C-alpha atoms as a PDB file:
ATOM      1  CA  UNK A   1      93.886   2.965  10.017  1.00  0.00           C
ATOM      2  CA  UNK A   2      92.817   6.581  10.179  1.00  0.00           C
ATOM      3  CA  UNK A   3      95.214   8.715  12.205  1.00  0.00           C
ATOM      4  CA  UNK A   4      93.444  11.372  14.310  1.00  0.00           C
ATOM      5  CA  UNK A   5      95.616  14.130  15.854  1.00  0.00           C
ATOM      6  CA  UNK A   6      94.553  14.927  19.416  1.00  0.00           C
ATOM      7  CA  UNK A   7      95.832  16.496  22.609  1.00  0.00           C
ATOM      8  CA  UNK A   8      95.106  15.027  26.023  1.00  0.00           C
ATOM      9  CA  UNK A   9      94.528  17.791  28.553  1.00  0.00           C
ATOM     10  CA  UNK A  10      93.289  18.257  32.059  1.00  0.00           C
ATOM     11  CA  UNK A  11      90.891  21.137  32.521  1.00  0.00           C
ATOM     12  CA  UNK A  12      89.885  21.811  36.121  1.00  0.00           C
ATOM     13  CA  UNK A  13      88.827  18.497  37.675  1.00  0.00           C
ATOM     14  CA  UNK A  14      88.130  16.832  34.316  1.00  0.00           C
ATOM     15  CA  UNK A  15      90.270  15.217  31.648  1.00  0.00           C
ATOM     16  CA  UNK A  16      89.344  15.699  28.027  1.00  0.00           C
ATOM     17  CA  UNK A  17      90.607  14.856  24.588  1.00  0.00           C
ATOM     18  CA  UNK A  18      90.982  17.986  22.488  1.00  0.00           C
ATOM     19  CA  UNK A  19      90.389  17.852  18.739  1.00  0.00           C
ATOM     20  CA  UNK A  20      90.077  20.245  15.852  1.00  0.00           C
ATOM     21  CA  UNK A  21      86.907  19.840  13.794  1.00  0.00           C
ATOM     22  CA  UNK A  22      88.649  19.067  10.509  1.00  0.00           C
ATOM     23  CA  UNK A  23      90.545  16.160  12.059  1.00  0.00           C
ATOM     24  CA  UNK A  24      87.327  14.352  13.040  1.00  0.00           C
ATOM     25  CA  UNK A  25      85.977  14.173   9.495  1.00  0.00           C
ATOM     26  CA  UNK A  26      86.092  10.499   8.488  1.00  0.00           C
ATOM     27  CA  UNK A  27      84.470   9.416   5.200  1.00  0.00           C
ATOM     28  CA  UNK A  28      81.187   7.594   5.759  1.00  0.00           C
ATOM     29  CA  UNK A  29      81.115   8.199   9.503  1.00  0.00           C
ATOM     30  CA  UNK A  30      79.464  10.839  11.659  1.00  0.00           C
ATOM     31  CA  UNK A  31      81.444  12.697  14.313  1.00  0.00           C
ATOM     32  CA  UNK A  32      79.381  10.853  16.948  1.00  0.00           C
ATOM     33  CA  UNK A  33      80.447   7.499  15.544  1.00  0.00           C
ATOM     34  CA  UNK A  34      84.085   8.572  15.391  1.00  0.00           C
ATOM     35  CA  UNK A  35      84.119   9.791  18.989  1.00  0.00           C
ATOM     36  CA  UNK A  36      82.373   6.681  20.319  1.00  0.00           C
ATOM     37  CA  UNK A  37      84.904   4.392  18.640  1.00  0.00           C
ATOM     38  CA  UNK A  38      87.882   6.492  19.713  1.00  0.00           C
ATOM     39  CA  UNK A  39      86.685   6.485  23.322  1.00  0.00           C
ATOM     40  CA  UNK A  40      85.810   2.776  23.299  1.00  0.00           C
ATOM     41  CA  UNK A  41      82.077   3.150  23.964  1.00  0.00           C
ATOM     42  CA  UNK A  42      79.776   1.490  24.747  1.00  0.00           C
ATOM     43  CA  UNK A  43      81.779  -0.388  27.382  1.00  0.00           C
ATOM     44  CA  UNK A  44      81.878   0.436  31.088  1.00  0.00           C
ATOM     45  CA  UNK A  45      85.684   0.075  31.036  1.00  0.00           C
ATOM     46  CA  UNK A  46      86.161   1.760  27.634  1.00  0.00           C
ATOM     47  CA  UNK A  47      89.014  -0.734  27.432  1.00  0.00           C
ATOM     48  CA  UNK A  48      89.500  -0.474  23.650  1.00  0.00           C
ATOM     49  CA  UNK A  49      89.585   3.322  23.554  1.00  0.00           C
ATOM     50  CA  UNK A  50      90.881   6.449  25.223  1.00  0.00           C
ATOM     51  CA  UNK A  51      87.941   7.025  27.578  1.00  0.00           C
ATOM     52  CA  UNK A  52      88.613   6.784  31.288  1.00  0.00           C
ATOM     53  CA  UNK A  53      85.449   4.956  32.330  1.00  0.00           C
ATOM     54  CA  UNK A  54      84.019   7.871  34.360  1.00  0.00           C
ATOM     55  CA  UNK A  55      81.912  10.900  33.487  1.00  0.00           C
ATOM     56  CA  UNK A  56      84.822  13.271  34.249  1.00  0.00           C
ATOM     57  CA  UNK A  57      87.234  11.415  31.951  1.00  0.00           C
ATOM     58  CA  UNK A  58      84.968  10.623  28.980  1.00  0.00           C
ATOM     59  CA  UNK A  59      84.879  14.102  27.475  1.00  0.00           C
ATOM     60  CA  UNK A  60      85.889  15.793  24.243  1.00  0.00           C
ATOM     61  CA  UNK A  61      86.478  19.429  23.346  1.00  0.00           C
ATOM     62  CA  UNK A  62      86.420  20.284  19.635  1.00  0.00           C
ATOM     63  CA  UNK A  63      87.849  23.612  18.530  1.00  0.00           C
ATOM     64  CA  UNK A  64      88.269  25.912  15.584  1.00  0.00           C
ATOM     65  CA  UNK A  65      89.228  29.506  14.966  1.00  0.00           C
ATOM     66  CA  UNK A  66      86.116  31.589  15.497  1.00  0.00           C
ATOM     67  CA  UNK A  67      83.884  32.341  12.539  1.00  0.00           C
ATOM     68  CA  UNK A  68      82.526  35.494  14.207  1.00  0.00           C
ATOM     69  CA  UNK A  69      84.020  38.787  15.328  1.00  0.00           C
ATOM     70  CA  UNK A  70      83.040  38.505  19.001  1.00  0.00           C
ATOM     71  CA  UNK A  71      85.297  35.548  19.802  1.00  0.00           C
ATOM     72  CA  UNK A  72      88.782  34.256  19.030  1.00  0.00           C
ATOM     73  CA  UNK A  73      87.977  30.553  19.380  1.00  0.00           C
ATOM     74  CA  UNK A  74      84.771  28.534  18.935  1.00  0.00           C
ATOM     75  CA  UNK A  75      84.587  25.292  20.865  1.00  0.00           C
ATOM     76  CA  UNK A  76      82.046  22.522  21.257  1.00  0.00           C
ATOM     77  CA  UNK A  77      81.874  20.157  24.202  1.00  0.00           C
ATOM     78  CA  UNK A  78      80.915  16.487  23.832  1.00  0.00           C
ATOM     79  CA  UNK A  79      80.074  14.181  26.733  1.00  0.00           C
ATOM     80  CA  UNK A  80      80.778  10.703  25.408  1.00  0.00           C
ATOM     81  CA  UNK A  81      78.526   8.116  27.049  1.00  0.00           C
ATOM     82  CA  UNK A  82      80.251   5.139  28.613  1.00  0.00           C
ATOM     83  CA  UNK A  83      77.676   2.325  28.621  1.00  0.00           C
ATOM     84  CA  UNK A  84      75.509   3.768  25.852  1.00  0.00           C
ATOM     85  CA  UNK A  85      76.062   4.307  22.142  1.00  0.00           C
ATOM     86  CA  UNK A  86      75.469   8.016  22.493  1.00  0.00           C
ATOM     87  CA  UNK A  87      77.199  11.395  22.515  1.00  0.00           C
ATOM     88  CA  UNK A  88      75.540  14.235  24.437  1.00  0.00           C
ATOM     89  CA  UNK A  89      75.973  17.672  22.850  1.00  0.00           C
ATOM     90  CA  UNK A  90      73.362  19.413  24.990  1.00  0.00           C
ATOM     91  CA  UNK A  91      75.533  21.335  27.425  1.00  0.00           C
ATOM     92  CA  UNK A  92      78.944  22.756  28.197  1.00  0.00           C
ATOM     93  CA  UNK A  93      81.595  21.566  30.661  1.00  0.00           C
ATOM     94  CA  UNK A  94      83.055  24.464  32.603  1.00  0.00           C
ATOM     95  CA  UNK A  95      86.069  22.475  33.774  1.00  0.00           C
ATOM     96  CA  UNK A  96      87.005  21.337  30.283  1.00  0.00           C
ATOM     97  CA  UNK A  97      86.480  24.902  29.054  1.00  0.00           C
ATOM     98  CA  UNK A  98      89.727  25.796  30.804  1.00  0.00           C
ATOM     99  CA  UNK A  99      91.763  24.005  28.122  1.00  0.00           C
ATOM    100  CA  UNK A 100      90.598  26.289  25.303  1.00  0.00           C
ATOM    101  CA  UNK A 101      92.738  29.374  25.919  1.00  0.00           C
ATOM    102  CA  UNK A 102      96.000  27.460  26.526  1.00  0.00           C
ATOM    103  CA  UNK A 103      95.403  25.345  23.418  1.00  0.00           C
ATOM    104  CA  UNK A 104      94.672  28.387  21.251  1.00  0.00           C
ATOM    105  CA  UNK A 105      97.788  30.199  22.459  1.00  0.00           C
ATOM    106  CA  UNK A 106      99.941  27.100  21.935  1.00  0.00           C
ATOM    107  CA  UNK A 107      98.591  26.686  18.391  1.00  0.00           C
ATOM    108  CA  UNK A 108      99.307  30.323  17.543  1.00  0.00           C
ATOM    109  CA  UNK A 109      95.632  31.236  17.057  1.00  0.00           C
ATOM    110  CA  UNK A 110      95.981  34.033  19.620  1.00  0.00           C
ATOM    111  CA  UNK A 111      99.073  36.190  20.019  1.00  0.00           C
ATOM    112  CA  UNK A 112     100.294  36.094  23.633  1.00  0.00           C
ATOM    113  CA  UNK A 113     100.842  39.238  25.652  1.00  0.00           C
ATOM    114  CA  UNK A 114     104.026  39.892  27.591  1.00  0.00           C
ATOM    115  CA  UNK A 115     102.353  39.457  30.992  1.00  0.00           C
ATOM    116  CA  UNK A 116      98.980  37.829  30.405  1.00  0.00           C
ATOM    117  CA  UNK A 117      96.723  36.912  27.501  1.00  0.00           C
ATOM    118  CA  UNK A 118      92.957  37.225  27.235  1.00  0.00           C
ATOM    119  CA  UNK A 119      91.156  34.838  24.901  1.00  0.00           C
ATOM    120  CA  UNK A 120      87.508  35.274  23.935  1.00  0.00           C
ATOM    121  CA  UNK A 121      86.021  31.787  23.734  1.00  0.00           C
ATOM    122  CA  UNK A 122      82.555  30.908  22.470  1.00  0.00           C
ATOM    123  CA  UNK A 123      80.920  27.697  23.597  1.00  0.00           C
ATOM    124  CA  UNK A 124      78.701  26.630  20.693  1.00  0.00           C
ATOM    125  CA  UNK A 125      76.588  24.212  22.783  1.00  0.00           C
ATOM    126  CA  UNK A 126      75.108  27.107  24.759  1.00  0.00           C
ATOM    127  CA  UNK A 127      76.143  30.190  22.738  1.00  0.00           C
ATOM    128  CA  UNK A 128      78.001  31.269  25.880  1.00  0.00           C
ATOM    129  CA  UNK A 129      80.880  33.742  25.623  1.00  0.00           C
ATOM    130  CA  UNK A 130      83.600  33.065  28.209  1.00  0.00           C
ATOM    131  CA  UNK A 131      86.505  35.454  28.628  1.00  0.00           C
ATOM    132  CA  UNK A 132      89.580  33.468  29.638  1.00  0.00           C
ATOM    133  CA  UNK A 133      92.780  34.962  30.981  1.00  0.00           C
ATOM    134  CA  UNK A 134      96.073  33.135  31.428  1.00  0.00           C
ATOM    135  CA  UNK A 135      99.521  34.331  32.488  1.00  0.00           C
ATOM    136  CA  UNK A 136     102.076  34.498  29.660  1.00  0.00           C
ATOM    137  CA  UNK A 137     105.199  36.040  31.210  1.00  0.00           C
ATOM    138  CA  UNK A 138     107.628  37.001  28.474  1.00  0.00           C
ATOM    139  CA  UNK A 139     105.043  36.039  25.873  1.00  0.00           C
ATOM    140  CA  UNK A 140     104.981  32.325  26.736  1.00  0.00           C
ATOM    141  CA  UNK A 141     102.740  29.940  28.656  1.00  0.00           C
ATOM    142  CA  UNK A 142     104.006  28.783  32.031  1.00  0.00           C
ATOM    143  CA  UNK A 143     104.980  25.132  32.068  1.00  0.00           C
ATOM    144  CA  UNK A 144     103.523  23.392  33.956  1.00  0.00           C
ATOM    145  CA  UNK A 145     102.131  26.248  36.059  1.00  0.00           C
ATOM    146  CA  UNK A 146     101.739  26.674  39.802  1.00  0.00           C
ATOM    147  CA  UNK A 147      97.974  26.900  40.346  1.00  0.00           C
ATOM    148  CA  UNK A 148      96.452  24.346  42.720  1.00  0.00           C
ATOM    149  CA  UNK A 149      92.686  23.784  42.825  1.00  0.00           C
ATOM    150  CA  UNK A 150      90.496  21.476  44.950  1.00  0.00           C
ATOM    151  CA  UNK A 151      90.202  17.982  43.512  1.00  0.00           C
ATOM    152  CA  UNK A 152      93.539  18.001  41.650  1.00  0.00           C
ATOM    153  CA  UNK A 153      96.717  16.915  43.484  1.00  0.00           C
ATOM    154  CA  UNK A 154      99.154  18.690  41.165  1.00  0.00           C
ATOM    155  CA  UNK A 155      99.478  22.293  39.938  1.00  0.00           C
ATOM    156  CA  UNK A 156      98.658  23.585  36.492  1.00  0.00           C
ATOM    157  CA  UNK A 157      98.389  26.755  34.469  1.00  0.00           C
ATOM    158  CA  UNK A 158      95.938  29.197  36.091  1.00  0.00           C
ATOM    159  CA  UNK A 159      92.968  30.033  33.870  1.00  0.00           C
ATOM    160  CA  UNK A 160      90.559  32.758  34.951  1.00  0.00           C
ATOM    161  CA  UNK A 161      87.131  32.359  33.382  1.00  0.00           C
ATOM    162  CA  UNK A 162      84.296  34.861  33.265  1.00  0.00           C
ATOM    163  CA  UNK A 163      80.888  33.765  31.946  1.00  0.00           C
ATOM    164  CA  UNK A 164      79.282  36.806  30.315  1.00  0.00           C
ATOM    165  CA  UNK A 165      75.519  37.136  30.767  1.00  0.00           C
ATOM    166  CA  UNK A 166      75.076  33.402  31.504  1.00  0.00           C
ATOM    167  CA  UNK A 167      71.311  33.375  32.162  1.00  0.00           C
ATOM    168  CA  UNK A 168      69.059  31.352  29.865  1.00  0.00           C
ATOM    169  CA  UNK A 169      71.683  30.222  27.371  1.00  0.00           C
ATOM    170  CA  UNK A 170      70.010  26.849  26.828  1.00  0.00           C
ATOM    171  CA  UNK A 171      66.317  27.466  27.520  1.00  0.00           C
ATOM    172  CA  UNK A 172      66.025  31.220  26.980  1.00  0.00           C
ATOM    173  CA  UNK A 173      65.152  31.979  30.627  1.00  0.00           C
ATOM    174  CA  UNK A 174      67.054  32.100  33.903  1.00  0.00           C
ATOM    175  CA  UNK A 175      64.122  30.281  35.510  1.00  0.00           C
ATOM    176  CA  UNK A 176      62.613  28.172  32.692  1.00  0.00           C
ATOM    177  CA  UNK A 177      59.345  27.591  34.573  1.00  0.00           C
ATOM    178  CA  UNK A 178      59.044  31.298  35.360  1.00  0.00           C
ATOM    179  CA  UNK A 179      59.430  30.748  39.116  1.00  0.00           C
ATOM    180  CA  UNK A 180      62.495  30.718  41.417  1.00  0.00           C
ATOM    181  CA  UNK A 181      60.956  27.897  43.439  1.00  0.00           C
ATOM    182  CA  UNK A 182      58.963  24.884  42.261  1.00  0.00           C
ATOM    183  CA  UNK A 183      57.796  21.623  43.780  1.00  0.00           C
ATOM    184  CA  UNK A 184      59.047  18.314  42.390  1.00  0.00           C
ATOM    185  CA  UNK A 185      58.070  14.733  43.181  1.00  0.00           C
ATOM    186  CA  UNK A 186      60.711  12.828  45.150  1.00  0.00           C
ATOM    187  CA  UNK A 187      59.913   9.317  46.351  1.00  0.00           C
ATOM    188  CA  UNK A 188      56.177   9.997  46.289  1.00  0.00           C
ATOM    189  CA  UNK A 189      56.215  13.374  48.003  1.00  0.00           C
ATOM    190  CA  UNK A 190      56.589  16.984  46.937  1.00  0.00           C
ATOM    191  CA  UNK A 191      59.834  18.794  47.804  1.00  0.00           C
ATOM    192  CA  UNK A 192      61.038  22.321  46.951  1.00  0.00           C
ATOM    193  CA  UNK A 193      63.418  22.774  44.015  1.00  0.00           C
ATOM    194  CA  UNK A 194      64.940  25.566  41.981  1.00  0.00           C
ATOM    195  CA  UNK A 195      65.101  24.911  38.243  1.00  0.00           C
ATOM    196  CA  UNK A 196      67.629  27.314  36.769  1.00  0.00           C
ATOM    197  CA  UNK A 197      69.506  27.833  33.500  1.00  0.00           C
ATOM    198  CA  UNK A 198      72.784  29.737  33.938  1.00  0.00           C
ATOM    199  CA  UNK A 199      76.027  28.308  32.613  1.00  0.00           C
ATOM    200  CA  UNK A 200      74.023  25.106  32.188  1.00  0.00           C
ATOM    201  CA  UNK A 201      70.561  23.854  33.201  1.00  0.00           C
ATOM    202  CA  UNK A 202      70.508  22.728  36.825  1.00  0.00           C
ATOM    203  CA  UNK A 203      68.021  21.404  39.394  1.00  0.00           C
ATOM    204  CA  UNK A 204      68.820  22.435  42.969  1.00  0.00           C
ATOM    205  CA  UNK A 205      67.440  20.470  45.932  1.00  0.00           C
ATOM    206  CA  UNK A 206      67.743  21.143  49.654  1.00  0.00           C
ATOM    207  CA  UNK A 207      69.562  18.117  51.116  1.00  0.00           C
ATOM    208  CA  UNK A 208      67.410  18.068  54.263  1.00  0.00           C
ATOM    209  CA  UNK A 209      64.209  17.900  52.209  1.00  0.00           C
ATOM    210  CA  UNK A 210      65.290  14.567  50.704  1.00  0.00           C
ATOM    211  CA  UNK A 211      66.643  13.061  53.908  1.00  0.00           C
ATOM    212  CA  UNK A 212      70.333  13.883  53.447  1.00  0.00           C
ATOM    213  CA  UNK A 213      72.775  16.152  55.277  1.00  0.00           C
ATOM    214  CA  UNK A 214      74.624  17.504  52.246  1.00  0.00           C
ATOM    215  CA  UNK A 215      77.929  16.189  53.631  1.00  0.00           C
ATOM    216  CA  UNK A 216      77.620  12.707  52.115  1.00  0.00           C
ATOM    217  CA  UNK A 217      80.594  11.133  50.348  1.00  0.00           C
ATOM    218  CA  UNK A 218      80.559   9.503  46.928  1.00  0.00           C
ATOM    219  CA  UNK A 219      80.355   6.123  48.658  1.00  0.00           C
ATOM    220  CA  UNK A 220      77.358   7.247  50.704  1.00  0.00           C
ATOM    221  CA  UNK A 221      75.382   8.391  47.664  1.00  0.00           C
ATOM    222  CA  UNK A 222      76.562   6.131  44.834  1.00  0.00           C
ATOM    223  CA  UNK A 223      75.856   3.013  46.899  1.00  0.00           C
ATOM    224  CA  UNK A 224      72.180   3.935  47.397  1.00  0.00           C
ATOM    225  CA  UNK A 225      70.503   2.567  44.279  1.00  0.00           C
ATOM    226  CA  UNK A 226      67.011   3.661  45.318  1.00  0.00           C
ATOM    227  CA  UNK A 227      68.195   7.212  46.044  1.00  0.00           C
ATOM    228  CA  UNK A 228      69.868   7.465  42.636  1.00  0.00           C
ATOM    229  CA  UNK A 229      66.679   6.284  40.938  1.00  0.00           C
ATOM    230  CA  UNK A 230      64.589   8.895  42.793  1.00  0.00           C
ATOM    231  CA  UNK A 231      67.076  11.646  41.946  1.00  0.00           C
ATOM    232  CA  UNK A 232      67.118  10.670  38.298  1.00  0.00           C
ATOM    233  CA  UNK A 233      63.301  10.691  38.294  1.00  0.00           C
ATOM    234  CA  UNK A 234      63.459  14.292  39.578  1.00  0.00           C
ATOM    235  CA  UNK A 235      66.030  15.159  36.936  1.00  0.00           C
ATOM    236  CA  UNK A 236      64.003  13.676  34.064  1.00  0.00           C
ATOM    237  CA  UNK A 237      60.774  15.323  35.211  1.00  0.00           C
ATOM    238  CA  UNK A 238      62.613  18.640  35.465  1.00  0.00           C
ATOM    239  CA  UNK A 239      64.016  18.206  31.958  1.00  0.00           C
ATOM    240  CA  UNK A 240      60.471  18.148  30.612  1.00  0.00           C
ATOM    241  CA  UNK A 241      59.351  21.107  32.735  1.00  0.00           C
ATOM    242  CA  UNK A 242      62.397  23.119  31.632  1.00  0.00           C
ATOM    243  CA  UNK A 243      61.674  22.427  27.971  1.00  0.00           C
ATOM    244  CA  UNK A 244      64.828  20.353  27.517  1.00  0.00           C
ATOM    245  CA  UNK A 245      62.997  17.177  26.489  1.00  0.00           C
ATOM    246  CA  UNK A 246      59.566  16.270  25.178  1.00  0.00           C
ATOM    247  CA  UNK A 247      59.290  13.292  27.532  1.00  0.00           C
ATOM    248  CA  UNK A 248      61.086  11.773  30.502  1.00  0.00           C
ATOM    249  CA  UNK A 249      62.497   9.036  28.310  1.00  0.00           C
ATOM    250  CA  UNK A 250      64.062  11.587  25.973  1.00  0.00           C
ATOM    251  CA  UNK A 251      65.901  13.468  28.746  1.00  0.00           C
ATOM    252  CA  UNK A 252      69.645  13.531  28.172  1.00  0.00           C
ATOM    253  CA  UNK A 253      72.000  11.941  30.679  1.00  0.00           C
ATOM    254  CA  UNK A 254      74.224  15.017  30.935  1.00  0.00           C
ATOM    255  CA  UNK A 255      71.574  17.730  31.267  1.00  0.00           C
ATOM    256  CA  UNK A 256      70.064  18.953  33.346  1.00  0.00           C
ATOM    257  CA  UNK A 257      72.512  18.300  36.158  1.00  0.00           C
ATOM    258  CA  UNK A 258      71.383  18.096  39.761  1.00  0.00           C
ATOM    259  CA  UNK A 259      72.842  19.792  42.834  1.00  0.00           C
ATOM    260  CA  UNK A 260      72.082  18.959  46.459  1.00  0.00           C
ATOM    261  CA  UNK A 261      72.799  21.870  48.785  1.00  0.00           C
ATOM    262  CA  UNK A 262      72.901  22.395  52.530  1.00  0.00           C
ATOM    263  CA  UNK A 263      73.486  25.175  55.006  1.00  0.00           C
ATOM    264  CA  UNK A 264      77.132  25.625  56.007  1.00  0.00           C
ATOM    265  CA  UNK A 265      77.999  25.350  59.696  1.00  0.00           C
ATOM    266  CA  UNK A 266      78.666  28.644  61.507  1.00  0.00           C
ATOM    267  CA  UNK A 267      82.411  27.949  61.831  1.00  0.00           C
ATOM    268  CA  UNK A 268      82.809  26.999  58.149  1.00  0.00           C
ATOM    269  CA  UNK A 269      84.507  29.451  55.780  1.00  0.00           C
ATOM    270  CA  UNK A 270      82.064  28.312  53.084  1.00  0.00           C
ATOM    271  CA  UNK A 271      78.705  29.955  52.385  1.00  0.00           C
ATOM    272  CA  UNK A 272      77.119  26.723  51.156  1.00  0.00           C
ATOM    273  CA  UNK A 273      77.727  22.968  51.089  1.00  0.00           C
ATOM    274  CA  UNK A 274      77.219  21.351  47.671  1.00  0.00           C
ATOM    275  CA  UNK A 275      77.018  17.831  46.303  1.00  0.00           C
ATOM    276  CA  UNK A 276      76.476  17.591  42.551  1.00  0.00           C
ATOM    277  CA  UNK A 277      75.471  14.619  40.438  1.00  0.00           C
ATOM    278  CA  UNK A 278      76.783  14.126  36.924  1.00  0.00           C
ATOM    279  CA  UNK A 279      75.811  11.249  34.636  1.00  0.00           C
ATOM    280  CA  UNK A 280      74.086   9.488  37.536  1.00  0.00           C
ATOM    281  CA  UNK A 281      77.011   9.591  39.995  1.00  0.00           C
ATOM    282  CA  UNK A 282      78.347  12.060  42.541  1.00  0.00           C
ATOM    283  CA  UNK A 283      80.734  14.559  40.966  1.00  0.00           C
ATOM    284  CA  UNK A 284      84.160  14.374  42.682  1.00  0.00           C
ATOM    285  CA  UNK A 285      84.203  18.159  43.082  1.00  0.00           C
ATOM    286  CA  UNK A 286      81.808  20.545  41.316  1.00  0.00           C
ATOM    287  CA  UNK A 287      80.857  21.189  37.713  1.00  0.00           C
ATOM    288  CA  UNK A 288      81.915  24.757  36.970  1.00  0.00           C
ATOM    289  CA  UNK A 289      78.796  25.465  34.935  1.00  0.00           C
ATOM    290  CA  UNK A 290      76.921  24.258  38.010  1.00  0.00           C
ATOM    291  CA  UNK A 291      78.835  26.709  40.189  1.00  0.00           C
ATOM    292  CA  UNK A 292      77.726  29.510  37.850  1.00  0.00           C
ATOM    293  CA  UNK A 293      74.090  28.427  38.186  1.00  0.00           C
ATOM    294  CA  UNK A 294      74.355  28.189  41.981  1.00  0.00           C
ATOM    295  CA  UNK A 295      75.883  31.673  42.134  1.00  0.00           C
ATOM    296  CA  UNK A 296      73.087  33.113  40.001  1.00  0.00           C
ATOM    297  CA  UNK A 297      70.473  31.304  42.096  1.00  0.00           C
ATOM    298  CA  UNK A 298      71.972  32.800  45.259  1.00  0.00           C
ATOM    299  CA  UNK A 299      71.351  36.294  43.944  1.00  0.00           C
ATOM    300  CA  UNK A 300      67.592  35.828  43.595  1.00  0.00           C
ATOM    301  CA  UNK A 301      65.084  35.811  46.438  1.00  0.00           C
ATOM    302  CA  UNK A 302      63.038  32.691  46.940  1.00  0.00           C
ATOM    303  CA  UNK A 303      65.470  30.139  45.533  1.00  0.00           C
ATOM    304  CA  UNK A 304      66.580  27.055  47.453  1.00  0.00           C
ATOM    305  CA  UNK A 305      70.108  28.461  47.600  1.00  0.00           C
ATOM    306  CA  UNK A 306      69.174  31.936  48.804  1.00  0.00           C
ATOM    307  CA  UNK A 307      67.078  30.529  51.646  1.00  0.00           C
ATOM    308  CA  UNK A 308      70.117  28.629  53.012  1.00  0.00           C
ATOM    309  CA  UNK A 309      72.537  31.558  53.038  1.00  0.00           C
ATOM    310  CA  UNK A 310      73.452  33.765  55.966  1.00  0.00           C
ATOM    311  CA  UNK A 311      75.900  35.861  53.903  1.00  0.00           C
ATOM    312  CA  UNK A 312      75.549  38.412  51.109  1.00  0.00           C
ATOM    313  CA  UNK A 313      75.957  36.535  47.788  1.00  0.00           C
ATOM    314  CA  UNK A 314      76.122  39.612  45.553  1.00  0.00           C
ATOM    315  CA  UNK A 315      79.871  39.323  44.947  1.00  0.00           C
ATOM    316  CA  UNK A 316      80.016  35.529  44.605  1.00  0.00           C
ATOM    317  CA  UNK A 317      79.890  32.285  46.578  1.00  0.00           C
ATOM    318  CA  UNK A 318      82.276  30.120  48.546  1.00  0.00           C
ATOM    319  CA  UNK A 319      81.127  26.503  48.253  1.00  0.00           C
ATOM    320  CA  UNK A 320      82.334  23.431  50.094  1.00  0.00           C
ATOM    321  CA  UNK A 321      82.499  20.397  47.773  1.00  0.00           C
ATOM    322  CA  UNK A 322      83.745  16.817  48.303  1.00  0.00           C
ATOM    323  CA  UNK A 323      87.167  17.989  47.075  1.00  0.00           C
ATOM    324  CA  UNK A 324      87.346  21.242  49.036  1.00  0.00           C
ATOM    325  CA  UNK A 325      86.457  24.893  48.584  1.00  0.00           C
ATOM    326  CA  UNK A 326      85.341  26.307  45.224  1.00  0.00           C
ATOM    327  CA  UNK A 327      84.903  30.065  44.936  1.00  0.00           C
ATOM    328  CA  UNK A 328      83.085  32.149  42.361  1.00  0.00           C
ATOM    329  CA  UNK A 329      82.938  35.888  41.836  1.00  0.00           C
ATOM    330  CA  UNK A 330      80.120  37.959  40.410  1.00  0.00           C
ATOM    331  CA  UNK A 331      79.975  41.501  39.068  1.00  0.00           C
ATOM    332  CA  UNK A 332      78.351  43.665  36.440  1.00  0.00           C
ATOM    333  CA  UNK A 333      80.440  44.977  33.535  1.00  0.00           C
ATOM    334  CA  UNK A 334      78.951  47.557  31.191  1.00  0.00           C
ATOM    335  CA  UNK A 335      75.505  46.552  32.390  1.00  0.00           C
ATOM    336  CA  UNK A 336      76.152  42.839  31.743  1.00  0.00           C
ATOM    337  CA  UNK A 337      76.281  40.314  34.629  1.00  0.00           C
ATOM    338  CA  UNK A 338      79.452  38.230  34.744  1.00  0.00           C
ATOM    339  CA  UNK A 339      80.105  35.171  36.905  1.00  0.00           C
ATOM    340  CA  UNK A 340      83.605  33.772  37.077  1.00  0.00           C
ATOM    341  CA  UNK A 341      85.980  31.411  38.768  1.00  0.00           C
ATOM    342  CA  UNK A 342      89.582  30.231  38.619  1.00  0.00           C
ATOM    343  CA  UNK A 343      90.557  26.859  37.188  1.00  0.00           C
ATOM    344  CA  UNK A 344      93.836  25.264  36.169  1.00  0.00           C
ATOM    345  CA  UNK A 345      94.807  23.348  33.054  1.00  0.00           C
ATOM    346  CA  UNK A 346      97.677  21.174  31.867  1.00  0.00           C
ATOM    347  CA  UNK A 347      98.613  19.534  28.614  1.00  0.00           C
ATOM    348  CA  UNK A 348      99.260  15.865  29.372  1.00  0.00           C
ATOM    349  CA  UNK A 349     100.133  14.459  25.955  1.00  0.00           C
ATOM    350  CA  UNK A 350     100.168  15.076  22.231  1.00  0.00           C
ATOM    351  CA  UNK A 351      98.787  12.032  20.486  1.00  0.00           C
ATOM    352  CA  UNK A 352      97.826  10.411  17.213  1.00  0.00           C
ATOM    353  CA  UNK A 353      94.779   8.236  17.836  1.00  0.00           C
ATOM    354  CA  UNK A 354      94.388   5.232  15.581  1.00  0.00           C
ATOM    355  CA  UNK A 355      90.893   4.602  14.248  1.00  0.00           C
ATOM    356  CA  UNK A 356      90.137   1.294  12.477  1.00  0.00           C
ATOM    357  CA  UNK A 357      88.997   1.533   8.866  1.00  0.00           C
ATOM    358  CA  UNK A 358      85.882  -0.454   9.737  1.00  0.00           C
ATOM    359  CA  UNK A 359      84.076  -1.263  12.974  1.00  0.00           C
END
């Protein structure tokens, strides 16, 4: 058996296994092969591995001390497929990103301050710099922390995250097609869509345009097989138009993601109602990279999001998700746009994962 050190952590509304790059080097095997076997994929239950059988619990974060001067920690996100023999490296996970600063402080890679500690983290999937800030009263991490967020029943360590200049990190453009509004084919008809790259590539659809209200539950959406097929058709077509894939068949499962948005009711504290799909199913809350993209979309005239708002989005968005309210903030620092939000994180377990010599 190979023994692989790992830490099991919750970041935001996701759970992820956290590794260091050197510990995933197994003779004769690629990192993809190692992760798939550790997680127990392909198998919809992932019964012989550490995967949780859902898109939000089949994730890995792989870290190292930064090789550059602009960051303290480099990290790479891996979405481990469940039913497929595949690892998707094409995007970042904003929720899982929240584990990076606490891990780095715990490992002694970053010296903690007496009140709080800022950690410069670089996501290598998207070349995105994220400034993370965590409280360290007396020079130590809080355990377990007191921060509650929508979609998580228990508190954790608060992690503030600011995405610096997030536009075009994957495709090179905020709007990869050059337009804030496009038309896409949905069930044989053309509907408006915003194709945007900020935090991560995202397709945004108006719920009403596809026959939904935007308030649907996971059961409402995940049980409609035909709807899911039509939405995935939109997503794959958009992947080609955004330059993320050469053909529909080559589109990754994890990117681009798709958000369905609706106008908030007048008595709602939210600016916008959001339902997001991830890996073909409704996300239980909201992908944080998706919240960054939605916030950036809100700040530009002509987008699907902007046309649904009755409030000024210049300082951020308040979004109602299936799990509750998610808020973002937006500002400009030294001429650079920054979009941020607050997450929580918790270390669940330190582990030694056992990998068979052959499989």
